[in-house]
Amino acid sequence: MQIPAGTTLGQALKAASIAGTGGEAKVLIQAGEVSVNGEIETRRGRRLRAGDVVEVDDERLEVR
């Protein structure tokens, strides 16, 4: 799935239906289950930039 640049990490997880709510996104991120460009990210407010790749389990999101 593609996510627009400028979206926060939490919003991206909700948009991709990986998390149903902001609270679920927060739990996933704080548990260290989300990586951005191969590195664990724990800030749900991180703004994603074009070219970033977000991975959660077997899901992969590309930022455009």
C-alpha atoms as a PDB file:
ATOM      1  CA  MET A   1       0.000   0.000   0.000  1.00  0.00           C
ATOM      2  CA  GLN A   2       1.158   3.548  -0.688  1.00  0.00           C
ATOM      3  CA  ILE A   3       0.924   6.324   1.886  1.00  0.00           C
ATOM      4  CA  PRO A   4       1.256  10.053   1.038  1.00  0.00           C
ATOM      5  CA  ALA A   5       4.325  11.915   2.318  1.00  0.00           C
ATOM      6  CA  GLY A   6       3.670  14.044   5.403  1.00  0.00           C
ATOM      7  CA  THR A   7       1.442  11.454   7.051  1.00  0.00           C
ATOM      8  CA  THR A   8       2.337  10.547  10.640  1.00  0.00           C
ATOM      9  CA  LEU A   9       3.281   6.981  11.444  1.00  0.00           C
ATOM     10  CA  GLY A  10       0.140   6.459  13.534  1.00  0.00           C
ATOM     11  CA  GLN A  11      -2.086   7.808  10.738  1.00  0.00           C
ATOM     12  CA  ALA A  12      -0.345   5.559   8.211  1.00  0.00           C
ATOM     13  CA  LEU A  13      -1.073   2.450  10.283  1.00  0.00           C
ATOM     14  CA  LYS A  14      -4.739   3.424  10.533  1.00  0.00           C
ATOM     15  CA  ALA A  15      -4.992   4.267   6.806  1.00  0.00           C
ATOM     16  CA  ALA A  16      -3.559   0.868   5.916  1.00  0.00           C
ATOM     17  CA  SER A  17      -5.996  -0.866   8.319  1.00  0.00           C
ATOM     18  CA  ILE A  18      -3.093  -2.315  10.294  1.00  0.00           C
ATOM     19  CA  ALA A  19      -4.511  -0.556  13.361  1.00  0.00           C
ATOM     20  CA  GLY A  20      -8.198   0.182  13.786  1.00  0.00           C
ATOM     21  CA  THR A  21      -7.700   3.120  16.136  1.00  0.00           C
ATOM     22  CA  GLY A  22      -5.007   5.563  17.194  1.00  0.00           C
ATOM     23  CA  GLY A  23      -4.756   3.647  20.469  1.00  0.00           C
ATOM     24  CA  GLU A  24      -4.036   0.393  18.655  1.00  0.00           C
ATOM     25  CA  ALA A  25      -1.400   2.150  16.535  1.00  0.00           C
ATOM     26  CA  LYS A  26       0.204   3.560  19.689  1.00  0.00           C
ATOM     27  CA  VAL A  27       0.433   0.095  21.268  1.00  0.00           C
ATOM     28  CA  LEU A  28       2.020  -1.425  18.146  1.00  0.00           C
ATOM     29  CA  ILE A  29       4.541   1.393  17.840  1.00  0.00           C
ATOM     30  CA  GLN A  30       5.496   1.518  21.529  1.00  0.00           C
ATOM     31  CA  ALA A  31       5.875  -2.284  21.593  1.00  0.00           C
ATOM     32  CA  GLY A  32       8.634  -1.966  18.979  1.00  0.00           C
ATOM     33  CA  GLU A  33       6.692  -3.852  16.305  1.00  0.00           C
ATOM     34  CA  VAL A  34       6.978  -1.107  13.660  1.00  0.00           C
ATOM     35  CA  SER A  35      10.064  -0.264  11.649  1.00  0.00           C
ATOM     36  CA  VAL A  36      10.763   2.627   9.284  1.00  0.00           C
ATOM     37  CA  ASN A  37      13.535   2.058   6.754  1.00  0.00           C
ATOM     38  CA  GLY A  38      14.652  -1.058   8.636  1.00  0.00           C
ATOM     39  CA  GLU A  39      14.935   0.590  12.068  1.00  0.00           C
ATOM     40  CA  ILE A  40      12.460   0.245  14.944  1.00  0.00           C
ATOM     41  CA  GLU A  41      10.468   3.464  15.392  1.00  0.00           C
ATOM     42  CA  THR A  42       8.719   4.299  18.667  1.00  0.00           C
ATOM     43  CA  ARG A  43       7.372   7.782  17.808  1.00  0.00           C
ATOM     44  CA  ARG A  44       3.858   7.584  16.429  1.00  0.00           C
ATOM     45  CA  GLY A  45       3.978  11.270  15.476  1.00  0.00           C
ATOM     46  CA  ARG A  46       6.955  10.793  13.169  1.00  0.00           C
ATOM     47  CA  ARG A  47       6.222  12.423   9.826  1.00  0.00           C
ATOM     48  CA  LEU A  48       6.898  10.083   6.955  1.00  0.00           C
ATOM     49  CA  ARG A  49       8.796  11.297   3.903  1.00  0.00           C
ATOM     50  CA  ALA A  50       8.742  10.150   0.300  1.00  0.00           C
ATOM     51  CA  GLY A  51      10.823   7.011  -0.049  1.00  0.00           C
ATOM     52  CA  ASP A  52      10.282   5.783   3.523  1.00  0.00           C
ATOM     53  CA  VAL A  53       9.289   2.146   3.936  1.00  0.00           C
ATOM     54  CA  VAL A  54       7.190   1.143   6.949  1.00  0.00           C
ATOM     55  CA  GLU A  55       7.041  -2.513   7.982  1.00  0.00           C
ATOM     56  CA  VAL A  56       4.802  -4.236  10.523  1.00  0.00           C
ATOM     57  CA  ASP A  57       4.843  -8.038  10.593  1.00  0.00           C
ATOM     58  CA  ASP A  58       4.290  -9.037   6.940  1.00  0.00           C
ATOM     59  CA  GLU A  59       2.840  -5.666   5.909  1.00  0.00           C
ATOM     60  CA  ARG A  60       4.933  -3.199   3.931  1.00  0.00           C
ATOM     61  CA  LEU A  61       3.893   0.405   3.281  1.00  0.00           C
ATOM     62  CA  GLU A  62       5.659   2.688   0.838  1.00  0.00           C
ATOM     63  CA  VAL A  63       5.529   6.463   1.236  1.00  0.00           C
ATOM     64  CA  ARG A  64       5.090   8.464  -1.982  1.00  0.00           C
END
